[in-house]
Amino acid sequence: MRATSPPKCSTRKRRWRKFRFSLATVYNTLNQLTDAGLLRQVSVDGTKTYFDTNVSAHHHFYLENNHELVDIPDPHLVLSKMPDVPEGYEIARVDMVVRLRKSAEI
């Protein structure tokens, strides 16, 4: 199952040509949808952020060659040991992103 990806740039330009949105408006809207629990924000590398419509607890593969985020299909994937949490804190959620790249052809 793949995370929802935006349409190709050329499609976006044709479809939205008559509308003008600032990038700030788009990201403010995405953040509001995330705060409302309708989207899940997934950060990759600290430089890329994806907004996933699947808000259930699940993890992701990140395909480096395609810059694509894909749901890991195994619902039973677990971490065997969690770190001790500092006093006064609790774990809110764990986001696992497994980075993949195409293997070299032999």
PDB file of N, CA and C in Angstrom:
ATOM      1  N   MET A   1       0.857  -1.167   0.000  1.00  0.00           N
ATOM      2  CA  MET A   1       0.000   0.000   0.000  1.00  0.00           C
ATOM      3  C   MET A   1       0.902   1.230   0.000  1.00  0.00           C
ATOM      4  N   ARG A   2       0.669   2.143  -0.894  1.00  0.00           N
ATOM      5  CA  ARG A   2       1.503   3.324  -1.013  1.00  0.00           C
ATOM      6  C   ARG A   2       0.834   4.521  -0.344  1.00  0.00           C
ATOM      7  N   ALA A   3       1.669   5.376   0.228  1.00  0.00           N
ATOM      8  CA  ALA A   3       1.146   6.624   0.781  1.00  0.00           C
ATOM      9  C   ALA A   3       0.665   7.482  -0.383  1.00  0.00           C
ATOM     10  N   THR A   4      -0.292   8.307  -0.116  1.00  0.00           N
ATOM     11  CA  THR A   4      -0.830   9.159  -1.163  1.00  0.00           C
ATOM     12  C   THR A   4       0.237  10.133  -1.626  1.00  0.00           C
ATOM     13  N   SER A   5       0.437  10.200  -2.935  1.00  0.00           N
ATOM     14  CA  SER A   5       1.419  11.138  -3.462  1.00  0.00           C
ATOM     15  C   SER A   5       0.704  12.183  -4.302  1.00  0.00           C
ATOM     16  N   PRO A   6       1.284  13.391  -4.351  1.00  0.00           N
ATOM     17  CA  PRO A   6       0.621  14.449  -5.113  1.00  0.00           C
ATOM     18  C   PRO A   6       0.680  14.176  -6.608  1.00  0.00           C
ATOM     19  N   PRO A   7      -0.226  14.759  -7.394  1.00  0.00           N
ATOM     20  CA  PRO A   7      -0.179  14.571  -8.838  1.00  0.00           C
ATOM     21  C   PRO A   7       1.090  15.179  -9.411  1.00  0.00           C
ATOM     22  N   LYS A   8       1.475  14.742 -10.592  1.00  0.00           N
ATOM     23  CA  LYS A   8       2.666  15.274 -11.254  1.00  0.00           C
ATOM     24  C   LYS A   8       2.515  16.779 -11.445  1.00  0.00           C
ATOM     25  N   CYS A   9       3.641  17.455 -11.497  1.00  0.00           N
ATOM     26  CA  CYS A   9       3.654  18.916 -11.578  1.00  0.00           C
ATOM     27  C   CYS A   9       2.839  19.428 -12.758  1.00  0.00           C
ATOM     28  N   SER A  10       2.973  18.829 -13.931  1.00  0.00           N
ATOM     29  CA  SER A  10       2.245  19.310 -15.105  1.00  0.00           C
ATOM     30  C   SER A  10       0.738  19.188 -14.910  1.00  0.00           C
ATOM     31  N   THR A  11       0.295  18.120 -14.241  1.00  0.00           N
ATOM     32  CA  THR A  11      -1.130  17.933 -13.962  1.00  0.00           C
ATOM     33  C   THR A  11      -1.613  19.011 -12.997  1.00  0.00           C
ATOM     34  N   ARG A  12      -0.815  19.282 -11.970  1.00  0.00           N
ATOM     35  CA  ARG A  12      -1.186  20.315 -10.999  1.00  0.00           C
ATOM     36  C   ARG A  12      -1.329  21.665 -11.677  1.00  0.00           C
ATOM     37  N   LYS A  13      -0.399  21.988 -12.557  1.00  0.00           N
ATOM     38  CA  LYS A  13      -0.451  23.290 -13.218  1.00  0.00           C
ATOM     39  C   LYS A  13      -1.713  23.428 -14.060  1.00  0.00           C
ATOM     40  N   ARG A  14      -2.074  22.392 -14.804  1.00  0.00           N
ATOM     41  CA  ARG A  14      -3.286  22.451 -15.624  1.00  0.00           C
ATOM     42  C   ARG A  14      -4.532  22.567 -14.761  1.00  0.00           C
ATOM     43  N   ARG A  15      -4.600  21.744 -13.726  1.00  0.00           N
ATOM     44  CA  ARG A  15      -5.797  21.681 -12.909  1.00  0.00           C
ATOM     45  C   ARG A  15      -5.988  22.939 -12.065  1.00  0.00           C
ATOM     46  N   TRP A  16      -4.921  23.515 -11.566  1.00  0.00           N
ATOM     47  CA  TRP A  16      -5.018  24.626 -10.624  1.00  0.00           C
ATOM     48  C   TRP A  16      -4.576  25.962 -11.227  1.00  0.00           C
ATOM     49  N   ARG A  17      -4.415  26.024 -12.515  1.00  0.00           N
ATOM     50  CA  ARG A  17      -3.902  27.228 -13.163  1.00  0.00           C
ATOM     51  C   ARG A  17      -4.706  28.473 -12.802  1.00  0.00           C
ATOM     52  N   LYS A  18      -6.022  28.333 -12.693  1.00  0.00           N
ATOM     53  CA  LYS A  18      -6.862  29.506 -12.428  1.00  0.00           C
ATOM     54  C   LYS A  18      -6.877  29.915 -10.963  1.00  0.00           C
ATOM     55  N   PHE A  19      -6.313  29.099 -10.085  1.00  0.00           N
ATOM     56  CA  PHE A  19      -6.271  29.416  -8.662  1.00  0.00           C
ATOM     57  C   PHE A  19      -4.849  29.791  -8.260  1.00  0.00           C
ATOM     58  N   ARG A  20      -4.750  30.709  -7.322  1.00  0.00           N
ATOM     59  CA  ARG A  20      -3.439  31.097  -6.818  1.00  0.00           C
ATOM     60  C   ARG A  20      -3.425  30.859  -5.312  1.00  0.00           C
ATOM     61  N   PHE A  21      -2.528  30.002  -4.856  1.00  0.00           N
ATOM     62  CA  PHE A  21      -2.371  29.709  -3.440  1.00  0.00           C
ATOM     63  C   PHE A  21      -0.939  30.010  -3.048  1.00  0.00           C
ATOM     64  N   SER A  22      -0.756  30.604  -1.905  1.00  0.00           N
ATOM     65  CA  SER A  22       0.609  30.762  -1.424  1.00  0.00           C
ATOM     66  C   SER A  22       1.035  29.437  -0.798  1.00  0.00           C
ATOM     67  N   LEU A  23       2.316  29.186  -0.808  1.00  0.00           N
ATOM     68  CA  LEU A  23       2.844  27.965  -0.208  1.00  0.00           C
ATOM     69  C   LEU A  23       2.525  27.944   1.283  1.00  0.00           C
ATOM     70  N   ALA A  24       2.547  29.096   1.916  1.00  0.00           N
ATOM     71  CA  ALA A  24       2.219  29.175   3.350  1.00  0.00           C
ATOM     72  C   ALA A  24       0.790  28.710   3.602  1.00  0.00           C
ATOM     73  N   THR A  25      -0.138  29.072   2.721  1.00  0.00           N
ATOM     74  CA  THR A  25      -1.531  28.644   2.860  1.00  0.00           C
ATOM     75  C   THR A  25      -1.644  27.127   2.746  1.00  0.00           C
ATOM     76  N   VAL A  26      -0.929  26.560   1.798  1.00  0.00           N
ATOM     77  CA  VAL A  26      -0.958  25.104   1.612  1.00  0.00           C
ATOM     78  C   VAL A  26      -0.433  24.409   2.862  1.00  0.00           C
ATOM     79  N   TYR A  27       0.737  24.832   3.370  1.00  0.00           N
ATOM     80  CA  TYR A  27       1.316  24.173   4.540  1.00  0.00           C
ATOM     81  C   TYR A  27       0.514  24.443   5.811  1.00  0.00           C
ATOM     82  N   ASN A  28      -0.050  25.627   5.943  1.00  0.00           N
ATOM     83  CA  ASN A  28      -0.923  25.886   7.099  1.00  0.00           C
ATOM     84  C   ASN A  28      -2.124  24.944   7.088  1.00  0.00           C
ATOM     85  N   THR A  29      -2.689  24.730   5.914  1.00  0.00           N
ATOM     86  CA  THR A  29      -3.831  23.814   5.786  1.00  0.00           C
ATOM     87  C   THR A  29      -3.419  22.390   6.113  1.00  0.00           C
ATOM     88  N   LEU A  30      -2.284  21.942   5.582  1.00  0.00           N
ATOM     89  CA  LEU A  30      -1.801  20.586   5.882  1.00  0.00           C
ATOM     90  C   LEU A  30      -1.550  20.417   7.382  1.00  0.00           C
ATOM     91  N   ASN A  31      -0.966  21.424   8.010  1.00  0.00           N
ATOM     92  CA  ASN A  31      -0.712  21.345   9.455  1.00  0.00           C
ATOM     93  C   ASN A  31      -2.008  21.335  10.254  1.00  0.00           C
ATOM     94  N   GLN A  32      -3.015  22.081   9.822  1.00  0.00           N
ATOM     95  CA  GLN A  32      -4.313  22.055  10.505  1.00  0.00           C
ATOM     96  C   GLN A  32      -4.972  20.687  10.370  1.00  0.00           C
ATOM     97  N   LEU A  33      -4.876  20.093   9.186  1.00  0.00           N
ATOM     98  CA  LEU A  33      -5.434  18.746   8.989  1.00  0.00           C
ATOM     99  C   LEU A  33      -4.688  17.723   9.843  1.00  0.00           C
ATOM    100  N   THR A  34      -3.384  17.908  10.000  1.00  0.00           N
ATOM    101  CA  THR A  34      -2.595  17.029  10.867  1.00  0.00           C
ATOM    102  C   THR A  34      -3.025  17.205  12.323  1.00  0.00           C
ATOM    103  N   ASP A  35      -3.167  18.449  12.765  1.00  0.00           N
ATOM    104  CA  ASP A  35      -3.602  18.716  14.147  1.00  0.00           C
ATOM    105  C   ASP A  35      -4.984  18.133  14.427  1.00  0.00           C
ATOM    106  N   ALA A  36      -5.838  18.095  13.406  1.00  0.00           N
ATOM    107  CA  ALA A  36      -7.188  17.550  13.552  1.00  0.00           C
ATOM    108  C   ALA A  36      -7.202  16.022  13.493  1.00  0.00           C
ATOM    109  N   GLY A  37      -6.051  15.413  13.203  1.00  0.00           N
ATOM    110  CA  GLY A  37      -5.965  13.957  13.152  1.00  0.00           C
ATOM    111  C   GLY A  37      -6.360  13.355  11.815  1.00  0.00           C
ATOM    112  N   LEU A  38      -6.484  14.182  10.776  1.00  0.00           N
ATOM    113  CA  LEU A  38      -6.880  13.682   9.458  1.00  0.00           C
ATOM    114  C   LEU A  38      -5.690  13.328   8.574  1.00  0.00           C
ATOM    115  N   LEU A  39      -4.516  13.831   8.919  1.00  0.00           N
ATOM    116  CA  LEU A  39      -3.274  13.501   8.221  1.00  0.00           C
ATOM    117  C   LEU A  39      -2.224  13.159   9.259  1.00  0.00           C
ATOM    118  N   ARG A  40      -1.194  12.448   8.817  1.00  0.00           N
ATOM    119  CA  ARG A  40      -0.069  12.122   9.685  1.00  0.00           C
ATOM    120  C   ARG A  40       1.189  12.655   9.017  1.00  0.00           C
ATOM    121  N   GLN A  41       1.954  13.432   9.735  1.00  0.00           N
ATOM    122  CA  GLN A  41       3.180  14.006   9.200  1.00  0.00           C
ATOM    123  C   GLN A  41       4.330  13.038   9.427  1.00  0.00           C
ATOM    124  N   VAL A  42       5.071  12.742   8.356  1.00  0.00           N
ATOM    125  CA  VAL A  42       6.222  11.842   8.431  1.00  0.00           C
ATOM    126  C   VAL A  42       7.430  12.595   7.892  1.00  0.00           C
ATOM    127  N   SER A  43       8.453  12.735   8.729  1.00  0.00           N
ATOM    128  CA  SER A  43       9.664  13.437   8.310  1.00  0.00           C
ATOM    129  C   SER A  43      10.726  12.439   7.888  1.00  0.00           C
ATOM    130  N   VAL A  44      11.411  12.767   6.801  1.00  0.00           N
ATOM    131  CA  VAL A  44      12.503  11.935   6.293  1.00  0.00           C
ATOM    132  C   VAL A  44      13.718  12.841   6.162  1.00  0.00           C
ATOM    133  N   ASP A  45      14.818  12.489   6.785  1.00  0.00           N
ATOM    134  CA  ASP A  45      16.071  13.246   6.671  1.00  0.00           C
ATOM    135  C   ASP A  45      16.037  14.620   7.323  1.00  0.00           C
ATOM    136  N   GLY A  46      14.946  15.013   7.905  1.00  0.00           N
ATOM    137  CA  GLY A  46      14.858  16.356   8.443  1.00  0.00           C
ATOM    138  C   GLY A  46      14.695  17.422   7.361  1.00  0.00           C
ATOM    139  N   THR A  47      14.741  16.984   6.089  1.00  0.00           N
ATOM    140  CA  THR A  47      14.602  17.937   4.985  1.00  0.00           C
ATOM    141  C   THR A  47      13.337  17.701   4.177  1.00  0.00           C
ATOM    142  N   LYS A  48      12.768  16.512   4.289  1.00  0.00           N
ATOM    143  CA  LYS A  48      11.565  16.172   3.536  1.00  0.00           C
ATOM    144  C   LYS A  48      10.450  15.813   4.517  1.00  0.00           C
ATOM    145  N   THR A  49       9.272  16.317   4.248  1.00  0.00           N
ATOM    146  CA  THR A  49       8.106  16.001   5.057  1.00  0.00           C
ATOM    147  C   THR A  49       7.005  15.492   4.147  1.00  0.00           C
ATOM    148  N   TYR A  50       6.409  14.378   4.526  1.00  0.00           N
ATOM    149  CA  TYR A  50       5.299  13.798   3.784  1.00  0.00           C
ATOM    150  C   TYR A  50       4.075  13.857   4.674  1.00  0.00           C
ATOM    151  N   PHE A  51       2.915  14.032   4.074  1.00  0.00           N
ATOM    152  CA  PHE A  51       1.652  14.019   4.802  1.00  0.00           C
ATOM    153  C   PHE A  51       0.892  12.786   4.335  1.00  0.00           C
ATOM    154  N   ASP A  52       0.682  11.867   5.260  1.00  0.00           N
ATOM    155  CA  ASP A  52       0.094  10.566   4.966  1.00  0.00           C
ATOM    156  C   ASP A  52      -1.379  10.566   5.368  1.00  0.00           C
ATOM    157  N   THR A  53      -2.234  10.077   4.484  1.00  0.00           N
ATOM    158  CA  THR A  53      -3.660   9.988   4.803  1.00  0.00           C
ATOM    159  C   THR A  53      -3.984   8.782   5.679  1.00  0.00           C
ATOM    160  N   ASN A  54      -3.049   7.846   5.795  1.00  0.00           N
ATOM    161  CA  ASN A  54      -3.232   6.696   6.679  1.00  0.00           C
ATOM    162  C   ASN A  54      -2.739   7.103   8.063  1.00  0.00           C
ATOM    163  N   VAL A  55      -3.659   7.410   8.959  1.00  0.00           N
ATOM    164  CA  VAL A  55      -3.283   7.905  10.288  1.00  0.00           C
ATOM    165  C   VAL A  55      -3.171   6.793  11.325  1.00  0.00           C
ATOM    166  N   SER A  56      -3.362   5.541  10.901  1.00  0.00           N
ATOM    167  CA  SER A  56      -3.210   4.424  11.843  1.00  0.00           C
ATOM    168  C   SER A  56      -1.720   4.225  12.154  1.00  0.00           C
ATOM    169  N   ALA A  57      -1.444   3.504  13.230  1.00  0.00           N
ATOM    170  CA  ALA A  57      -0.055   3.213  13.606  1.00  0.00           C
ATOM    171  C   ALA A  57       0.562   2.283  12.568  1.00  0.00           C
ATOM    172  N   HIS A  58       1.523   2.776  11.842  1.00  0.00           N
ATOM    173  CA  HIS A  58       2.228   1.965  10.853  1.00  0.00           C
ATOM    174  C   HIS A  58       3.563   2.623  10.535  1.00  0.00           C
ATOM    175  N   HIS A  59       4.416   1.894   9.840  1.00  0.00           N
ATOM    176  CA  HIS A  59       5.757   2.370   9.526  1.00  0.00           C
ATOM    177  C   HIS A  59       5.926   2.446   8.011  1.00  0.00           C
ATOM    178  N   HIS A  60       7.078   2.963   7.582  1.00  0.00           N
ATOM    179  CA  HIS A  60       7.264   3.238   6.162  1.00  0.00           C
ATOM    180  C   HIS A  60       8.623   2.784   5.623  1.00  0.00           C
ATOM    181  N   PHE A  61       8.611   2.438   4.338  1.00  0.00           N
ATOM    182  CA  PHE A  61       9.834   2.339   3.547  1.00  0.00           C
ATOM    183  C   PHE A  61       9.981   3.682   2.851  1.00  0.00           C
ATOM    184  N   TYR A  62      11.216   4.181   2.767  1.00  0.00           N
ATOM    185  CA  TYR A  62      11.486   5.373   1.968  1.00  0.00           C
ATOM    186  C   TYR A  62      12.364   4.934   0.801  1.00  0.00           C
ATOM    187  N   LEU A  63      11.836   5.043  -0.412  1.00  0.00           N
ATOM    188  CA  LEU A  63      12.563   4.643  -1.614  1.00  0.00           C
ATOM    189  C   LEU A  63      13.422   5.822  -2.056  1.00  0.00           C
ATOM    190  N   GLU A  64      14.719   5.745  -1.765  1.00  0.00           N
ATOM    191  CA  GLU A  64      15.615   6.878  -2.013  1.00  0.00           C
ATOM    192  C   GLU A  64      15.665   7.284  -3.479  1.00  0.00           C
ATOM    193  N   ASN A  65      15.679   6.302  -4.379  1.00  0.00           N
ATOM    194  CA  ASN A  65      15.804   6.617  -5.805  1.00  0.00           C
ATOM    195  C   ASN A  65      14.593   7.376  -6.335  1.00  0.00           C
ATOM    196  N   ASN A  66      13.413   7.090  -5.780  1.00  0.00           N
ATOM    197  CA  ASN A  66      12.169   7.702  -6.266  1.00  0.00           C
ATOM    198  C   ASN A  66      11.655   8.811  -5.355  1.00  0.00           C
ATOM    199  N   HIS A  67      12.290   8.994  -4.198  1.00  0.00           N
ATOM    200  CA  HIS A  67      11.806   9.945  -3.183  1.00  0.00           C
ATOM    201  C   HIS A  67      10.338   9.664  -2.872  1.00  0.00           C
ATOM    202  N   GLU A  68      10.079   8.388  -2.566  1.00  0.00           N
ATOM    203  CA  GLU A  68       8.700   7.935  -2.366  1.00  0.00           C
ATOM    204  C   GLU A  68       8.578   7.249  -1.014  1.00  0.00           C
ATOM    205  N   LEU A  69       7.487   7.507  -0.327  1.00  0.00           N
ATOM    206  CA  LEU A  69       7.194   6.896   0.959  1.00  0.00           C
ATOM    207  C   LEU A  69       6.144   5.812   0.742  1.00  0.00           C
ATOM    208  N   VAL A  70       6.423   4.592   1.234  1.00  0.00           N
ATOM    209  CA  VAL A  70       5.541   3.442   1.020  1.00  0.00           C
ATOM    210  C   VAL A  70       5.251   2.806   2.373  1.00  0.00           C
ATOM    211  N   ASP A  71       4.003   2.483   2.633  1.00  0.00           N
ATOM    212  CA  ASP A  71       3.640   1.819   3.884  1.00  0.00           C
ATOM    213  C   ASP A  71       4.298   0.453   3.968  1.00  0.00           C
ATOM    214  N   ILE A  72       4.807   0.100   5.147  1.00  0.00           N
ATOM    215  CA  ILE A  72       5.305  -1.254   5.391  1.00  0.00           C
ATOM    216  C   ILE A  72       4.077  -2.111   5.662  1.00  0.00           C
ATOM    217  N   PRO A  73       3.901  -3.192   4.893  1.00  0.00           N
ATOM    218  CA  PRO A  73       2.659  -3.965   4.989  1.00  0.00           C
ATOM    219  C   PRO A  73       2.517  -4.837   6.237  1.00  0.00           C
ATOM    220  N   ASP A  74       3.571  -5.012   7.020  1.00  0.00           N
ATOM    221  CA  ASP A  74       3.512  -5.920   8.167  1.00  0.00           C
ATOM    222  C   ASP A  74       2.944  -5.212   9.399  1.00  0.00           C
ATOM    223  N   PRO A  75       1.703  -5.530   9.790  1.00  0.00           N
ATOM    224  CA  PRO A  75       1.107  -4.855  10.948  1.00  0.00           C
ATOM    225  C   PRO A  75       1.690  -5.329  12.274  1.00  0.00           C
ATOM    226  N   HIS A  76       2.480  -6.394  12.244  1.00  0.00           N
ATOM    227  CA  HIS A  76       3.034  -6.953  13.471  1.00  0.00           C
ATOM    228  C   HIS A  76       4.477  -6.527  13.710  1.00  0.00           C
ATOM    229  N   LEU A  77       4.983  -5.617  12.904  1.00  0.00           N
ATOM    230  CA  LEU A  77       6.338  -5.123  13.067  1.00  0.00           C
ATOM    231  C   LEU A  77       6.432  -4.368  14.390  1.00  0.00           C
ATOM    232  N   VAL A  78       7.392  -4.753  15.236  1.00  0.00           N
ATOM    233  CA  VAL A  78       7.549  -4.094  16.536  1.00  0.00           C
ATOM    234  C   VAL A  78       9.025  -3.877  16.833  1.00  0.00           C
ATOM    235  N   LEU A  79       9.294  -2.900  17.655  1.00  0.00           N
ATOM    236  CA  LEU A  79      10.636  -2.705  18.190  1.00  0.00           C
ATOM    237  C   LEU A  79      10.740  -3.567  19.434  1.00  0.00           C
ATOM    238  N   SER A  80      11.830  -4.300  19.573  1.00  0.00           N
ATOM    239  CA  SER A  80      11.920  -5.220  20.699  1.00  0.00           C
ATOM    240  C   SER A  80      12.285  -4.526  22.008  1.00  0.00           C
ATOM    241  N   LYS A  81      12.937  -3.371  21.935  1.00  0.00           N
ATOM    242  CA  LYS A  81      13.301  -2.663  23.171  1.00  0.00           C
ATOM    243  C   LYS A  81      13.200  -1.168  22.931  1.00  0.00           C
ATOM    244  N   MET A  82      12.481  -0.504  23.796  1.00  0.00           N
ATOM    245  CA  MET A  82      12.346   0.940  23.724  1.00  0.00           C
ATOM    246  C   MET A  82      13.312   1.568  24.729  1.00  0.00           C
ATOM    247  N   PRO A  83      13.806   2.751  24.434  1.00  0.00           N
ATOM    248  CA  PRO A  83      14.730   3.409  25.370  1.00  0.00           C
ATOM    249  C   PRO A  83      13.997   3.894  26.621  1.00  0.00           C
ATOM    250  N   ASP A  84      14.763   4.066  27.707  1.00  0.00           N
ATOM    251  CA  ASP A  84      14.187   4.666  28.908  1.00  0.00           C
ATOM    252  C   ASP A  84      13.856   6.118  28.594  1.00  0.00           C
ATOM    253  N   VAL A  85      12.709   6.551  29.047  1.00  0.00           N
ATOM    254  CA  VAL A  85      12.237   7.905  28.771  1.00  0.00           C
ATOM    255  C   VAL A  85      12.561   8.781  29.980  1.00  0.00           C
ATOM    256  N   PRO A  86      13.059  10.003  29.725  1.00  0.00           N
ATOM    257  CA  PRO A  86      13.356  10.891  30.861  1.00  0.00           C
ATOM    258  C   PRO A  86      12.109  11.154  31.705  1.00  0.00           C
ATOM    259  N   GLU A  87      12.336  11.409  32.975  1.00  0.00           N
ATOM    260  CA  GLU A  87      11.242  11.660  33.901  1.00  0.00           C
ATOM    261  C   GLU A  87      10.403  12.844  33.413  1.00  0.00           C
ATOM    262  N   GLY A  88       9.097  12.677  33.514  1.00  0.00           N
ATOM    263  CA  GLY A  88       8.179  13.730  33.095  1.00  0.00           C
ATOM    264  C   GLY A  88       7.779  13.646  31.632  1.00  0.00           C
ATOM    265  N   TYR A  89       8.281  12.643  30.903  1.00  0.00           N
ATOM    266  CA  TYR A  89       7.949  12.476  29.488  1.00  0.00           C
ATOM    267  C   TYR A  89       7.344  11.103  29.247  1.00  0.00           C
ATOM    268  N   GLU A  90       6.619  10.994  28.147  1.00  0.00           N
ATOM    269  CA  GLU A  90       6.086   9.715  27.710  1.00  0.00           C
ATOM    270  C   GLU A  90       6.224   9.639  26.195  1.00  0.00           C
ATOM    271  N   ILE A  91       6.295   8.443  25.671  1.00  0.00           N
ATOM    272  CA  ILE A  91       6.415   8.260  24.227  1.00  0.00           C
ATOM    273  C   ILE A  91       5.058   8.548  23.601  1.00  0.00           C
ATOM    274  N   ALA A  92       5.023   9.486  22.672  1.00  0.00           N
ATOM    275  CA  ALA A  92       3.781   9.841  21.990  1.00  0.00           C
ATOM    276  C   ALA A  92       3.530   8.898  20.822  1.00  0.00           C
ATOM    277  N   ARG A  93       4.573   8.588  20.084  1.00  0.00           N
ATOM    278  CA  ARG A  93       4.456   7.657  18.959  1.00  0.00           C
ATOM    279  C   ARG A  93       5.856   7.368  18.447  1.00  0.00           C
ATOM    280  N   VAL A  94       6.001   6.268  17.755  1.00  0.00           N
ATOM    281  CA  VAL A  94       7.282   5.880  17.164  1.00  0.00           C
ATOM    282  C   VAL A  94       7.091   5.821  15.655  1.00  0.00           C
ATOM    283  N   ASP A  95       7.909   6.561  14.930  1.00  0.00           N
ATOM    284  CA  ASP A  95       7.879   6.546  13.471  1.00  0.00           C
ATOM    285  C   ASP A  95       9.135   5.851  12.964  1.00  0.00           C
ATOM    286  N   MET A  96       8.959   4.702  12.365  1.00  0.00           N
ATOM    287  CA  MET A  96      10.092   3.993  11.780  1.00  0.00           C
ATOM    288  C   MET A  96      10.063   4.202  10.267  1.00  0.00           C
ATOM    289  N   VAL A  97      11.175   4.696   9.740  1.00  0.00           N
ATOM    290  CA  VAL A  97      11.326   4.848   8.303  1.00  0.00           C
ATOM    291  C   VAL A  97      12.544   4.024   7.903  1.00  0.00           C
ATOM    292  N   VAL A  98      12.307   2.996   7.102  1.00  0.00           N
ATOM    293  CA  VAL A  98      13.379   2.136   6.607  1.00  0.00           C
ATOM    294  C   VAL A  98      13.738   2.626   5.215  1.00  0.00           C
ATOM    295  N   ARG A  99      14.971   3.083   5.064  1.00  0.00           N
ATOM    296  CA  ARG A  99      15.418   3.653   3.794  1.00  0.00           C
ATOM    297  C   ARG A  99      15.883   2.536   2.855  1.00  0.00           C
ATOM    298  N   LEU A 100      15.373   2.568   1.644  1.00  0.00           N
ATOM    299  CA  LEU A 100      15.747   1.581   0.632  1.00  0.00           C
ATOM    300  C   LEU A 100      16.308   2.282  -0.609  1.00  0.00           C
ATOM    301  N   ARG A 101      17.253   1.627  -1.268  1.00  0.00           N
ATOM    302  CA  ARG A 101      17.720   2.111  -2.564  1.00  0.00           C
ATOM    303  C   ARG A 101      17.885   0.910  -3.465  1.00  0.00           C
ATOM    304  N   LYS A 102      17.824   1.136  -4.771  1.00  0.00           N
ATOM    305  CA  LYS A 102      17.980   0.051  -5.732  1.00  0.00           C
ATOM    306  C   LYS A 102      19.349  -0.588  -5.539  1.00  0.00           C
ATOM    307  N   SER A 103      19.375  -1.914  -5.545  1.00  0.00           N
ATOM    308  CA  SER A 103      20.647  -2.602  -5.428  1.00  0.00           C
ATOM    309  C   SER A 103      21.397  -2.526  -6.746  1.00  0.00           C
ATOM    310  N   ALA A 104      22.714  -2.580  -6.668  1.00  0.00           N
ATOM    311  CA  ALA A 104      23.536  -2.534  -7.883  1.00  0.00           C
ATOM    312  C   ALA A 104      23.321  -3.822  -8.677  1.00  0.00           C
ATOM    313  N   GLU A 105      23.103  -3.669  -9.960  1.00  0.00           N
ATOM    314  CA  GLU A 105      22.905  -4.836 -10.838  1.00  0.00           C
ATOM    315  C   GLU A 105      24.239  -5.556 -10.997  1.00  0.00           C
ATOM    316  N   ILE A 106      24.203  -6.862 -10.896  1.00  0.00           N
ATOM    317  CA  ILE A 106      25.435  -7.653 -11.040  1.00  0.00           C
ATOM    318  C   ILE A 106      25.451  -8.316 -12.395  1.00  0.00           C
TER     319      ILE A 106
END
